[in-house]
Amino acid sequence: MRITRIFENTEYSESVDSLGRREFITLAAKHKALLLQSDDGSNPFSVDEFASLTESLQLEKYEYVGGAAPRRLIPVKSNVEVFTANEAPPD
């Protein structure tokens, strides 16, 4: 799994495994967006890989209580909940 720091050098990426938990969280807080992709860069990042990464970060869990955009829960193999970003039809 690779990570690219958005709004910096998008040609450079590094292995998520090379980052510690705190450094990953700090990067996400600083940049507000991180591009996650497979190690070889050619395959999409799967929802199960995302769930596994999220679980490994050991973030505080909070309940999703709804919002303006309709979302659905995506079944994953990890012990975390992953929701779609937005299920509303395009304008």
N, C-alpha and C. Protein backbone atom coordinates (compact mmCIF):
# COMPACT_ATOMS: atom_id res chain seq x y z
N MET A 1 0.85 -1.17 0.00
CA MET A 1 0.00 0.00 0.00
C MET A 1 0.89 1.23 0.00
N ARG A 2 0.58 2.21 -0.86
CA ARG A 2 1.39 3.41 -1.01
C ARG A 2 0.56 4.63 -0.64
N ILE A 3 1.25 5.70 -0.28
CA ILE A 3 0.57 6.94 0.09
C ILE A 3 1.22 8.10 -0.66
N THR A 4 0.41 9.01 -1.17
CA THR A 4 0.90 10.22 -1.82
C THR A 4 0.35 11.41 -1.06
N ARG A 5 1.22 12.36 -0.78
CA ARG A 5 0.79 13.55 -0.06
C ARG A 5 0.19 14.53 -1.07
N ILE A 6 -1.12 14.68 -1.02
CA ILE A 6 -1.83 15.53 -1.97
C ILE A 6 -1.37 16.98 -1.79
N PHE A 7 -1.32 17.72 -2.89
CA PHE A 7 -0.91 19.12 -2.95
C PHE A 7 0.58 19.31 -2.72
N GLU A 8 1.33 18.22 -2.70
CA GLU A 8 2.79 18.32 -2.69
C GLU A 8 3.26 17.70 -3.99
N ASN A 9 4.22 16.82 -3.95
CA ASN A 9 4.73 16.16 -5.15
C ASN A 9 3.93 14.90 -5.39
N THR A 10 2.99 14.94 -6.33
CA THR A 10 2.14 13.78 -6.58
C THR A 10 2.86 12.67 -7.34
N GLU A 11 4.08 12.94 -7.81
CA GLU A 11 4.88 11.90 -8.47
C GLU A 11 5.59 11.03 -7.44
N TYR A 12 5.71 11.50 -6.21
CA TYR A 12 6.41 10.77 -5.16
C TYR A 12 5.40 10.09 -4.24
N SER A 13 5.65 8.85 -3.94
CA SER A 13 4.82 8.16 -2.96
C SER A 13 5.73 7.32 -2.09
N GLU A 14 5.22 6.92 -0.95
CA GLU A 14 5.99 6.08 -0.04
C GLU A 14 5.09 5.01 0.54
N SER A 15 5.70 3.99 1.06
CA SER A 15 4.94 2.89 1.63
C SER A 15 4.29 3.32 2.94
N VAL A 16 3.03 2.96 3.10
CA VAL A 16 2.34 3.24 4.35
C VAL A 16 3.07 2.53 5.49
N ASP A 17 3.64 1.36 5.20
CA ASP A 17 4.36 0.60 6.23
C ASP A 17 5.56 1.35 6.77
N SER A 18 6.11 2.31 5.98
CA SER A 18 7.27 3.08 6.44
C SER A 18 6.86 4.18 7.41
N LEU A 19 5.56 4.46 7.49
CA LEU A 19 5.07 5.51 8.38
C LEU A 19 4.58 4.89 9.68
N GLY A 20 4.85 5.54 10.76
CA GLY A 20 4.27 5.12 12.03
C GLY A 20 2.84 5.64 12.14
N ARG A 21 2.12 5.12 13.09
CA ARG A 21 0.73 5.51 13.31
C ARG A 21 0.61 7.02 13.51
N ARG A 22 1.43 7.57 14.39
CA ARG A 22 1.35 9.00 14.69
C ARG A 22 1.69 9.84 13.46
N GLU A 23 2.70 9.43 12.68
CA GLU A 23 3.08 10.19 11.49
C GLU A 23 1.96 10.17 10.45
N PHE A 24 1.31 9.02 10.27
CA PHE A 24 0.20 8.93 9.33
C PHE A 24 -0.93 9.87 9.74
N ILE A 25 -1.30 9.85 11.00
CA ILE A 25 -2.38 10.71 11.51
C ILE A 25 -1.99 12.18 11.37
N THR A 26 -0.73 12.52 11.66
CA THR A 26 -0.25 13.89 11.52
C THR A 26 -0.34 14.35 10.07
N LEU A 27 0.07 13.48 9.13
CA LEU A 27 -0.02 13.83 7.70
C LEU A 27 -1.46 14.05 7.28
N ALA A 28 -2.35 13.19 7.71
CA ALA A 28 -3.77 13.33 7.36
C ALA A 28 -4.33 14.64 7.92
N ALA A 29 -3.97 14.98 9.14
CA ALA A 29 -4.46 16.22 9.76
C ALA A 29 -3.88 17.44 9.04
N LYS A 30 -2.62 17.36 8.66
CA LYS A 30 -1.95 18.49 8.00
C LYS A 30 -2.48 18.72 6.59
N HIS A 31 -2.59 17.66 5.80
CA HIS A 31 -2.93 17.80 4.38
C HIS A 31 -4.42 17.68 4.09
N LYS A 32 -5.18 17.16 5.03
CA LYS A 32 -6.63 16.98 4.88
C LYS A 32 -7.00 15.95 3.82
N ALA A 33 -6.03 15.47 3.06
CA ALA A 33 -6.28 14.44 2.04
C ALA A 33 -5.00 13.67 1.78
N LEU A 34 -5.12 12.36 1.68
CA LEU A 34 -4.01 11.50 1.32
C LEU A 34 -4.52 10.53 0.26
N LEU A 35 -3.76 10.35 -0.79
CA LEU A 35 -4.13 9.42 -1.85
C LEU A 35 -3.56 8.05 -1.50
N LEU A 36 -4.44 7.07 -1.32
CA LEU A 36 -4.03 5.71 -1.00
C LEU A 36 -4.18 4.85 -2.24
N GLN A 37 -3.17 4.05 -2.52
CA GLN A 37 -3.25 3.16 -3.69
C GLN A 37 -2.47 1.88 -3.41
N SER A 38 -2.65 0.91 -4.28
CA SER A 38 -1.96 -0.36 -4.09
C SER A 38 -0.45 -0.17 -4.24
N ASP A 39 0.32 -1.15 -3.75
CA ASP A 39 1.77 -1.06 -3.80
C ASP A 39 2.31 -0.89 -5.21
N ASP A 40 1.71 -1.58 -6.19
CA ASP A 40 2.23 -1.47 -7.55
C ASP A 40 1.66 -0.27 -8.30
N GLY A 41 0.71 0.44 -7.71
CA GLY A 41 0.17 1.66 -8.30
C GLY A 41 -0.81 1.43 -9.43
N SER A 42 -1.02 0.18 -9.83
CA SER A 42 -1.90 -0.06 -10.97
C SER A 42 -3.28 -0.54 -10.55
N ASN A 43 -3.40 -1.12 -9.39
CA ASN A 43 -4.68 -1.65 -8.93
C ASN A 43 -5.35 -0.66 -7.99
N PRO A 44 -6.67 -0.57 -8.04
CA PRO A 44 -7.37 0.30 -7.09
C PRO A 44 -7.17 -0.19 -5.66
N PHE A 45 -7.23 0.72 -4.73
CA PHE A 45 -7.14 0.43 -3.31
C PHE A 45 -8.49 -0.15 -2.91
N SER A 46 -8.52 -1.37 -2.40
CA SER A 46 -9.81 -2.01 -2.09
C SER A 46 -10.39 -1.48 -0.78
N VAL A 47 -11.69 -1.66 -0.64
CA VAL A 47 -12.36 -1.23 0.59
C VAL A 47 -11.85 -2.04 1.78
N ASP A 48 -11.50 -3.32 1.57
CA ASP A 48 -10.96 -4.13 2.66
C ASP A 48 -9.57 -3.67 3.07
N GLU A 49 -8.75 -3.22 2.11
CA GLU A 49 -7.44 -2.66 2.44
C GLU A 49 -7.62 -1.37 3.25
N PHE A 50 -8.59 -0.54 2.85
CA PHE A 50 -8.86 0.69 3.58
C PHE A 50 -9.32 0.38 5.00
N ALA A 51 -10.22 -0.58 5.15
CA ALA A 51 -10.71 -0.97 6.47
C ALA A 51 -9.58 -1.50 7.34
N SER A 52 -8.70 -2.31 6.75
CA SER A 52 -7.56 -2.87 7.49
C SER A 52 -6.63 -1.75 7.96
N LEU A 53 -6.36 -0.79 7.08
CA LEU A 53 -5.52 0.36 7.46
C LEU A 53 -6.18 1.14 8.58
N THR A 54 -7.46 1.43 8.44
CA THR A 54 -8.19 2.17 9.46
C THR A 54 -8.14 1.46 10.81
N GLU A 55 -8.33 0.16 10.79
CA GLU A 55 -8.29 -0.63 12.02
C GLU A 55 -6.89 -0.57 12.65
N SER A 56 -5.85 -0.63 11.82
CA SER A 56 -4.48 -0.62 12.34
C SER A 56 -4.11 0.71 12.99
N LEU A 57 -4.79 1.79 12.59
CA LEU A 57 -4.50 3.11 13.17
C LEU A 57 -5.06 3.26 14.58
N GLN A 58 -5.94 2.36 14.98
CA GLN A 58 -6.53 2.35 16.32
C GLN A 58 -7.11 3.72 16.71
N LEU A 59 -7.88 4.28 15.80
CA LEU A 59 -8.52 5.56 16.05
C LEU A 59 -9.72 5.39 16.97
N GLU A 60 -10.07 6.45 17.66
CA GLU A 60 -11.26 6.40 18.51
C GLU A 60 -12.49 6.24 17.62
N LYS A 61 -13.33 5.29 17.96
CA LYS A 61 -14.52 5.03 17.16
C LYS A 61 -15.66 5.94 17.63
N TYR A 62 -16.37 6.48 16.68
CA TYR A 62 -17.57 7.23 17.02
C TYR A 62 -18.69 6.81 16.08
N GLU A 63 -19.90 6.89 16.55
CA GLU A 63 -21.05 6.42 15.80
C GLU A 63 -21.42 7.41 14.69
N TYR A 64 -21.77 6.89 13.55
CA TYR A 64 -22.31 7.72 12.47
C TYR A 64 -23.80 7.86 12.74
N VAL A 65 -24.28 9.10 12.90
CA VAL A 65 -25.68 9.32 13.26
C VAL A 65 -26.48 9.96 12.14
N GLY A 66 -25.94 10.00 10.95
CA GLY A 66 -26.68 10.55 9.83
C GLY A 66 -26.19 11.92 9.43
N GLY A 67 -26.65 12.38 8.32
CA GLY A 67 -26.25 13.68 7.81
C GLY A 67 -27.09 14.05 6.61
N ALA A 68 -26.68 15.06 5.89
CA ALA A 68 -27.44 15.54 4.74
C ALA A 68 -27.40 14.57 3.56
N ALA A 69 -26.29 13.88 3.38
CA ALA A 69 -26.14 12.97 2.25
C ALA A 69 -26.47 11.53 2.66
N PRO A 70 -27.23 10.82 1.83
CA PRO A 70 -27.50 9.41 2.15
C PRO A 70 -26.22 8.58 1.99
N ARG A 71 -25.98 7.68 2.91
CA ARG A 71 -24.80 6.82 2.89
C ARG A 71 -25.24 5.40 3.20
N ARG A 72 -24.40 4.45 2.82
CA ARG A 72 -24.69 3.06 3.18
C ARG A 72 -23.43 2.42 3.76
N LEU A 73 -23.66 1.46 4.62
CA LEU A 73 -22.58 0.72 5.26
C LEU A 73 -22.05 -0.32 4.27
N ILE A 74 -20.74 -0.38 4.11
CA ILE A 74 -20.11 -1.34 3.21
C ILE A 74 -19.58 -2.50 4.04
N PRO A 75 -19.96 -3.73 3.74
CA PRO A 75 -19.44 -4.87 4.51
C PRO A 75 -17.94 -5.05 4.27
N VAL A 76 -17.18 -5.18 5.34
CA VAL A 76 -15.73 -5.39 5.25
C VAL A 76 -15.33 -6.51 6.19
N LYS A 77 -14.11 -7.03 5.98
CA LYS A 77 -13.60 -8.14 6.79
C LYS A 77 -13.05 -7.68 8.14
N SER A 78 -12.69 -6.41 8.27
CA SER A 78 -12.11 -5.90 9.51
C SER A 78 -13.19 -5.53 10.51
N ASN A 79 -12.77 -5.21 11.71
CA ASN A 79 -13.69 -4.86 12.78
C ASN A 79 -13.92 -3.34 12.84
N VAL A 80 -14.14 -2.73 11.69
CA VAL A 80 -14.45 -1.30 11.60
C VAL A 80 -15.66 -1.13 10.69
N GLU A 81 -16.27 0.04 10.74
CA GLU A 81 -17.39 0.34 9.86
C GLU A 81 -16.91 1.30 8.77
N VAL A 82 -17.24 0.99 7.52
CA VAL A 82 -16.90 1.83 6.40
C VAL A 82 -18.20 2.21 5.69
N PHE A 83 -18.40 3.52 5.49
CA PHE A 83 -19.59 4.02 4.83
C PHE A 83 -19.22 4.63 3.50
N THR A 84 -20.16 4.64 2.55
CA THR A 84 -19.96 5.36 1.31
C THR A 84 -19.92 6.85 1.62
N ALA A 85 -19.32 7.63 0.72
CA ALA A 85 -19.22 9.07 0.94
C ALA A 85 -20.54 9.75 0.67
N ASN A 86 -21.27 9.32 -0.37
CA ASN A 86 -22.50 10.00 -0.74
C ASN A 86 -23.24 9.13 -1.75
N GLU A 87 -24.47 8.83 -1.48
CA GLU A 87 -25.29 8.03 -2.38
C GLU A 87 -26.34 8.88 -3.11
N ALA A 88 -26.26 10.20 -2.98
CA ALA A 88 -27.22 11.08 -3.63
C ALA A 88 -26.95 11.09 -5.14
N PRO A 89 -28.00 11.23 -5.94
CA PRO A 89 -27.78 11.33 -7.40
C PRO A 89 -27.06 12.63 -7.73
N PRO A 90 -26.28 12.63 -8.82
CA PRO A 90 -25.60 13.88 -9.21
C PRO A 90 -26.62 14.94 -9.60
N ASP A 91 -26.24 16.19 -9.45
CA ASP A 91 -27.13 17.30 -9.81
C ASP A 91 -27.43 17.31 -11.28
